[in-house]
């Protein structure tokens, strides 16, 4: 029983150390502008760029063309402002 409990504790600590939760920043980063490349085909949809939480800050990742998903649309990400600061809500398929 002690071994099982110890394995659960170790697994939990490993996940917590390796899993970074998205955070808040005091100021919303400036909008990033870049030229969108030409679509590779008619069955592609533009996936907007995204802010990714890494190392205690948000880092920008450029958008890309992705295959369209029948019956679904891409909802772009957006910033929310609250008492703790600004937090990025990532884009997703809806």
C-alpha atoms as a PDB file:
ATOM      1  CA  UNK A   1       0.000   0.000   0.000  1.00  0.00           C
ATOM      2  CA  UNK A   2       2.867   2.380   0.840  1.00  0.00           C
ATOM      3  CA  UNK A   3       4.455   1.737  -2.560  1.00  0.00           C
ATOM      4  CA  UNK A   4       1.217   2.531  -4.399  1.00  0.00           C
ATOM      5  CA  UNK A   5       0.735   5.731  -2.396  1.00  0.00           C
ATOM      6  CA  UNK A   6       4.353   6.734  -3.064  1.00  0.00           C
ATOM      7  CA  UNK A   7       3.927   6.151  -6.819  1.00  0.00           C
ATOM      8  CA  UNK A   8       0.779   8.305  -6.849  1.00  0.00           C
ATOM      9  CA  UNK A   9       2.580  11.125  -5.017  1.00  0.00           C
ATOM     10  CA  UNK A  10       5.580  10.951  -7.379  1.00  0.00           C
ATOM     11  CA  UNK A  11       3.344  10.923 -10.462  1.00  0.00           C
ATOM     12  CA  UNK A  12       1.378  13.912  -9.132  1.00  0.00           C
ATOM     13  CA  UNK A  13       4.516  15.920  -8.383  1.00  0.00           C
ATOM     14  CA  UNK A  14       5.976  15.128 -11.799  1.00  0.00           C
ATOM     15  CA  UNK A  15       2.826  16.341 -13.525  1.00  0.00           C
ATOM     16  CA  UNK A  16       2.681  19.521 -11.453  1.00  0.00           C
ATOM     17  CA  UNK A  17       6.310  20.300 -12.161  1.00  0.00           C
ATOM     18  CA  UNK A  18       5.960  19.666 -15.891  1.00  0.00           C
ATOM     19  CA  UNK A  19       2.480  21.115 -16.454  1.00  0.00           C
ATOM     20  CA  UNK A  20       2.516  24.875 -16.684  1.00  0.00           C
ATOM     21  CA  UNK A  21      -0.788  26.641 -16.108  1.00  0.00           C
ATOM     22  CA  UNK A  22      -1.559  29.674 -18.248  1.00  0.00           C
ATOM     23  CA  UNK A  23      -1.045  32.860 -16.327  1.00  0.00           C
ATOM     24  CA  UNK A  24      -1.848  36.536 -16.148  1.00  0.00           C
ATOM     25  CA  UNK A  25       0.155  39.554 -17.293  1.00  0.00           C
ATOM     26  CA  UNK A  26      -0.196  43.166 -16.179  1.00  0.00           C
ATOM     27  CA  UNK A  27      -0.356  44.550 -19.730  1.00  0.00           C
ATOM     28  CA  UNK A  28      -1.902  43.012 -22.817  1.00  0.00           C
ATOM     29  CA  UNK A  29       0.820  42.510 -25.452  1.00  0.00           C
ATOM     30  CA  UNK A  30       0.584  44.619 -28.602  1.00  0.00           C
ATOM     31  CA  UNK A  31      -1.119  43.085 -31.623  1.00  0.00           C
ATOM     32  CA  UNK A  32       1.258  41.206 -33.902  1.00  0.00           C
ATOM     33  CA  UNK A  33       1.048  41.899 -37.638  1.00  0.00           C
ATOM     34  CA  UNK A  34       2.540  39.678 -40.296  1.00  0.00           C
ATOM     35  CA  UNK A  35       1.734  38.721 -43.865  1.00  0.00           C
ATOM     36  CA  UNK A  36      -0.513  35.686 -44.222  1.00  0.00           C
ATOM     37  CA  UNK A  37       0.884  33.184 -46.750  1.00  0.00           C
ATOM     38  CA  UNK A  38      -1.187  32.065 -49.723  1.00  0.00           C
ATOM     39  CA  UNK A  39      -3.676  29.260 -49.014  1.00  0.00           C
ATOM     40  CA  UNK A  40      -2.408  25.832 -50.045  1.00  0.00           C
ATOM     41  CA  UNK A  41      -5.885  24.805 -51.297  1.00  0.00           C
ATOM     42  CA  UNK A  42      -9.648  25.315 -51.150  1.00  0.00           C
ATOM     43  CA  UNK A  43     -10.151  22.910 -48.231  1.00  0.00           C
ATOM     44  CA  UNK A  44      -7.945  24.946 -45.857  1.00  0.00           C
ATOM     45  CA  UNK A  45      -8.907  27.529 -43.242  1.00  0.00           C
ATOM     46  CA  UNK A  46      -6.664  30.132 -41.633  1.00  0.00           C
ATOM     47  CA  UNK A  47      -5.850  29.370 -37.982  1.00  0.00           C
ATOM     48  CA  UNK A  48      -4.976  32.694 -36.342  1.00  0.00           C
ATOM     49  CA  UNK A  49      -1.742  33.167 -34.450  1.00  0.00           C
ATOM     50  CA  UNK A  50      -1.794  32.339 -30.778  1.00  0.00           C
ATOM     51  CA  UNK A  51      -0.220  33.531 -27.544  1.00  0.00           C
ATOM     52  CA  UNK A  52       1.326  30.588 -25.666  1.00  0.00           C
ATOM     53  CA  UNK A  53       2.227  30.740 -21.957  1.00  0.00           C
ATOM     54  CA  UNK A  54       5.857  29.729 -21.516  1.00  0.00           C
ATOM     55  CA  UNK A  55       8.479  30.575 -18.917  1.00  0.00           C
ATOM     56  CA  UNK A  56       6.193  32.920 -16.997  1.00  0.00           C
ATOM     57  CA  UNK A  57       5.211  35.007 -20.009  1.00  0.00           C
ATOM     58  CA  UNK A  58       3.207  34.824 -23.218  1.00  0.00           C
ATOM     59  CA  UNK A  59       5.066  34.167 -26.473  1.00  0.00           C
ATOM     60  CA  UNK A  60       3.580  34.674 -29.924  1.00  0.00           C
ATOM     61  CA  UNK A  61       3.222  31.795 -32.393  1.00  0.00           C
ATOM     62  CA  UNK A  62       2.317  32.739 -35.971  1.00  0.00           C
ATOM     63  CA  UNK A  63      -0.888  31.448 -37.522  1.00  0.00           C
ATOM     64  CA  UNK A  64      -1.016  28.717 -40.138  1.00  0.00           C
ATOM     65  CA  UNK A  65      -3.285  27.076 -42.687  1.00  0.00           C
ATOM     66  CA  UNK A  66      -5.116  23.994 -41.404  1.00  0.00           C
ATOM     67  CA  UNK A  67      -7.554  21.564 -42.978  1.00  0.00           C
ATOM     68  CA  UNK A  68     -11.175  22.667 -42.662  1.00  0.00           C
ATOM     69  CA  UNK A  69     -13.339  20.570 -40.354  1.00  0.00           C
ATOM     70  CA  UNK A  70     -16.771  19.878 -41.840  1.00  0.00           C
ATOM     71  CA  UNK A  71     -19.555  21.425 -39.772  1.00  0.00           C
ATOM     72  CA  UNK A  72     -17.136  23.380 -37.574  1.00  0.00           C
ATOM     73  CA  UNK A  73     -15.652  26.880 -37.603  1.00  0.00           C
ATOM     74  CA  UNK A  74     -12.469  28.269 -36.119  1.00  0.00           C
ATOM     75  CA  UNK A  75     -13.057  30.690 -33.246  1.00  0.00           C
ATOM     76  CA  UNK A  76     -10.052  32.941 -32.799  1.00  0.00           C
ATOM     77  CA  UNK A  77      -8.423  33.541 -29.428  1.00  0.00           C
ATOM     78  CA  UNK A  78      -8.948  36.691 -27.380  1.00  0.00           C
ATOM     79  CA  UNK A  79      -7.736  38.512 -24.284  1.00  0.00           C
ATOM     80  CA  UNK A  80      -9.793  38.729 -21.097  1.00  0.00           C
ATOM     81  CA  UNK A  81      -9.113  41.372 -18.475  1.00  0.00           C
ATOM     82  CA  UNK A  82      -9.852  40.757 -14.820  1.00  0.00           C
ATOM     83  CA  UNK A  83      -8.685  41.683 -11.340  1.00  0.00           C
ATOM     84  CA  UNK A  84      -5.473  39.637 -11.761  1.00  0.00           C
ATOM     85  CA  UNK A  85      -4.574  41.171 -15.152  1.00  0.00           C
ATOM     86  CA  UNK A  86      -4.844  39.977 -18.743  1.00  0.00           C
ATOM     87  CA  UNK A  87      -5.249  36.314 -19.664  1.00  0.00           C
ATOM     88  CA  UNK A  88      -5.239  34.801 -23.164  1.00  0.00           C
ATOM     89  CA  UNK A  89      -8.064  32.468 -24.173  1.00  0.00           C
ATOM     90  CA  UNK A  90      -6.750  30.266 -26.964  1.00  0.00           C
ATOM     91  CA  UNK A  91      -8.551  29.816 -30.249  1.00  0.00           C
ATOM     92  CA  UNK A  92     -10.465  26.587 -30.836  1.00  0.00           C
ATOM     93  CA  UNK A  93     -12.777  24.737 -33.192  1.00  0.00           C
ATOM     94  CA  UNK A  94     -16.472  25.260 -32.525  1.00  0.00           C
END
